[in-house]
N, C-alpha and C. Protein backbone atom coordinates (compact mmCIF):
# COMPACT_ATOMS: atom_id res chain seq x y z
N MET A 1 -26.06 -32.03 66.75
CA MET A 1 -26.99 -31.48 65.68
C MET A 1 -27.67 -30.18 66.21
N SER A 2 -27.67 -29.14 65.34
CA SER A 2 -28.17 -27.86 65.80
C SER A 2 -29.68 -27.95 65.63
N GLU A 3 -30.29 -27.17 66.61
CA GLU A 3 -31.82 -27.01 66.54
C GLU A 3 -32.20 -25.78 65.76
N ILE A 4 -31.20 -24.95 65.39
CA ILE A 4 -31.44 -23.70 64.69
C ILE A 4 -31.40 -24.04 63.15
N PRO A 5 -32.57 -23.96 62.39
CA PRO A 5 -32.51 -24.25 61.03
C PRO A 5 -31.82 -23.10 60.20
N SER A 6 -31.25 -23.54 59.13
CA SER A 6 -30.63 -22.52 58.26
C SER A 6 -31.70 -21.53 57.73
N PRO A 7 -31.41 -20.24 57.67
CA PRO A 7 -32.33 -19.21 57.09
C PRO A 7 -32.23 -19.31 55.50
N CYS A 8 -31.44 -20.09 54.95
CA CYS A 8 -31.35 -20.12 53.49
C CYS A 8 -32.77 -20.33 52.81
N THR A 9 -33.02 -19.56 51.77
CA THR A 9 -34.29 -19.67 51.04
C THR A 9 -34.07 -20.24 49.69
N GLY A 10 -32.86 -20.51 49.36
CA GLY A 10 -32.58 -21.08 48.00
C GLY A 10 -32.28 -20.06 46.98
N ILE A 11 -32.45 -18.78 47.40
CA ILE A 11 -32.21 -17.65 46.53
C ILE A 11 -30.73 -17.14 46.83
N CYS A 12 -29.77 -17.82 46.37
CA CYS A 12 -28.46 -17.59 46.72
C CYS A 12 -27.75 -16.63 45.80
N THR A 13 -28.03 -15.39 46.05
CA THR A 13 -27.49 -14.29 45.12
C THR A 13 -27.07 -13.12 46.06
N LEU A 14 -25.75 -12.74 45.84
CA LEU A 14 -25.32 -11.63 46.75
C LEU A 14 -25.55 -10.28 45.96
N ASN A 15 -25.94 -9.32 46.71
CA ASN A 15 -25.91 -7.83 46.29
C ASN A 15 -24.55 -7.32 46.25
N PRO A 16 -24.41 -6.06 45.72
CA PRO A 16 -23.01 -5.58 45.69
C PRO A 16 -22.40 -5.43 47.11
N GLU A 17 -23.21 -5.34 48.22
CA GLU A 17 -22.56 -5.24 49.50
C GLU A 17 -22.21 -6.60 50.10
N ARG A 18 -22.39 -7.63 49.22
CA ARG A 18 -22.06 -9.08 49.54
C ARG A 18 -23.02 -9.57 50.60
N ILE A 19 -24.30 -9.32 50.53
CA ILE A 19 -25.26 -9.72 51.34
C ILE A 19 -26.44 -10.52 50.45
N CYS A 20 -26.71 -11.64 51.02
CA CYS A 20 -27.62 -12.49 50.11
C CYS A 20 -28.95 -11.92 50.09
N ILE A 21 -29.53 -11.86 48.92
CA ILE A 21 -30.87 -11.16 48.84
C ILE A 21 -31.97 -12.18 49.26
N GLY A 22 -31.60 -13.44 49.43
CA GLY A 22 -32.58 -14.47 49.85
C GLY A 22 -32.74 -14.50 51.34
N CYS A 23 -31.63 -14.54 52.06
CA CYS A 23 -31.72 -14.70 53.48
C CYS A 23 -31.18 -13.59 54.36
N GLY A 24 -30.52 -12.64 53.78
CA GLY A 24 -29.92 -11.50 54.54
C GLY A 24 -28.72 -11.68 55.09
N ARG A 25 -28.05 -12.85 55.02
CA ARG A 25 -26.71 -13.05 55.65
C ARG A 25 -25.65 -12.56 54.77
N THR A 26 -24.50 -12.09 55.39
CA THR A 26 -23.38 -11.79 54.74
C THR A 26 -22.66 -12.98 54.17
N LEU A 27 -21.74 -12.78 53.30
CA LEU A 27 -20.96 -13.86 52.82
C LEU A 27 -20.20 -14.57 53.97
N SER A 28 -19.72 -13.77 54.82
CA SER A 28 -18.97 -14.37 55.99
C SER A 28 -19.88 -15.13 56.95
N GLU A 29 -20.97 -14.70 57.15
CA GLU A 29 -22.00 -15.39 57.96
C GLU A 29 -22.43 -16.72 57.30
N ILE A 30 -22.60 -16.78 55.98
CA ILE A 30 -22.98 -18.01 55.29
C ILE A 30 -21.81 -19.03 55.48
N GLY A 31 -20.50 -18.46 55.38
CA GLY A 31 -19.50 -19.46 55.60
C GLY A 31 -19.33 -19.90 56.91
N GLU A 32 -19.70 -19.06 57.96
CA GLU A 32 -19.55 -19.47 59.43
C GLU A 32 -20.51 -20.48 59.87
N TRP A 33 -21.64 -20.42 59.12
CA TRP A 33 -22.85 -21.18 59.58
C TRP A 33 -22.55 -22.64 59.98
N ILE A 34 -21.88 -23.40 59.13
CA ILE A 34 -21.71 -24.72 59.41
C ILE A 34 -20.97 -25.03 60.76
N SER A 35 -20.06 -24.20 61.19
CA SER A 35 -19.33 -24.40 62.62
C SER A 35 -19.76 -23.48 63.61
N ALA A 36 -20.80 -22.79 63.46
CA ALA A 36 -21.38 -21.82 64.48
C ALA A 36 -22.12 -22.54 65.55
N SER A 37 -22.05 -22.08 66.77
CA SER A 37 -22.80 -22.68 67.85
C SER A 37 -24.30 -22.20 67.61
N ASP A 38 -25.21 -22.86 68.41
CA ASP A 38 -26.63 -22.40 68.30
C ASP A 38 -26.79 -20.93 68.66
N GLU A 39 -26.06 -20.37 69.65
CA GLU A 39 -26.03 -18.98 70.12
C GLU A 39 -25.53 -18.14 68.97
N GLN A 40 -24.52 -18.51 68.37
CA GLN A 40 -23.95 -17.78 67.22
C GLN A 40 -24.89 -17.72 66.09
N LYS A 41 -25.64 -18.82 65.78
CA LYS A 41 -26.69 -18.96 64.70
C LYS A 41 -27.85 -18.01 65.03
N ARG A 42 -28.29 -18.00 66.32
CA ARG A 42 -29.42 -17.01 66.61
C ARG A 42 -28.96 -15.70 66.40
N GLU A 43 -27.79 -15.34 66.72
CA GLU A 43 -27.26 -13.91 66.44
C GLU A 43 -27.09 -13.69 64.94
N ILE A 44 -26.74 -14.65 64.17
CA ILE A 44 -26.53 -14.39 62.72
C ILE A 44 -28.11 -14.26 62.14
N VAL A 45 -29.06 -15.09 62.68
CA VAL A 45 -30.39 -14.96 62.15
C VAL A 45 -30.96 -13.56 62.51
N ALA A 46 -30.75 -13.18 63.71
CA ALA A 46 -31.28 -11.82 64.18
C ALA A 46 -30.62 -10.71 63.30
N ALA A 47 -29.45 -10.71 63.02
CA ALA A 47 -28.75 -9.70 62.31
C ALA A 47 -29.23 -9.75 60.82
N ALA A 48 -29.38 -10.95 60.24
CA ALA A 48 -29.96 -11.07 58.80
C ALA A 48 -31.40 -10.49 58.75
N CYS A 49 -32.16 -10.80 59.74
CA CYS A 49 -33.45 -10.36 59.70
C CYS A 49 -33.59 -8.84 59.71
N LYS A 50 -32.63 -8.12 60.26
CA LYS A 50 -32.55 -6.66 60.27
C LYS A 50 -32.17 -6.17 58.89
N ARG A 51 -31.38 -6.98 58.22
CA ARG A 51 -30.82 -6.60 56.85
C ARG A 51 -31.75 -6.86 55.73
N LYS A 52 -32.49 -7.89 55.89
CA LYS A 52 -33.30 -8.45 54.78
C LYS A 52 -34.43 -7.54 54.47
N PRO A 53 -34.57 -7.13 53.16
CA PRO A 53 -35.71 -6.19 52.76
C PRO A 53 -37.01 -6.86 53.10
N ARG A 54 -38.03 -6.13 53.57
CA ARG A 54 -39.36 -6.73 53.64
C ARG A 54 -40.02 -6.77 52.35
N SER A 55 -40.79 -7.78 52.11
CA SER A 55 -41.65 -7.98 50.78
C SER A 55 -42.84 -7.13 50.87
C-alpha cells in the first residue's frame, strides 16, 4: 500500500491542455497513478504542484 495520498481534489475537469484543474496532473499522470511507485508518485505530485494555478 502506498504512503503517498492521491492529490485528487474531486474537481475532475481537464483544461484544453489536458491538465486537471483540480489537482494539476496531466491525463497520463492520472492514469499512471494506480501503478506508480511511491517515488514516481512524489515526482507526479511535485510536477502537478508546479502546474496548478494558485488560488
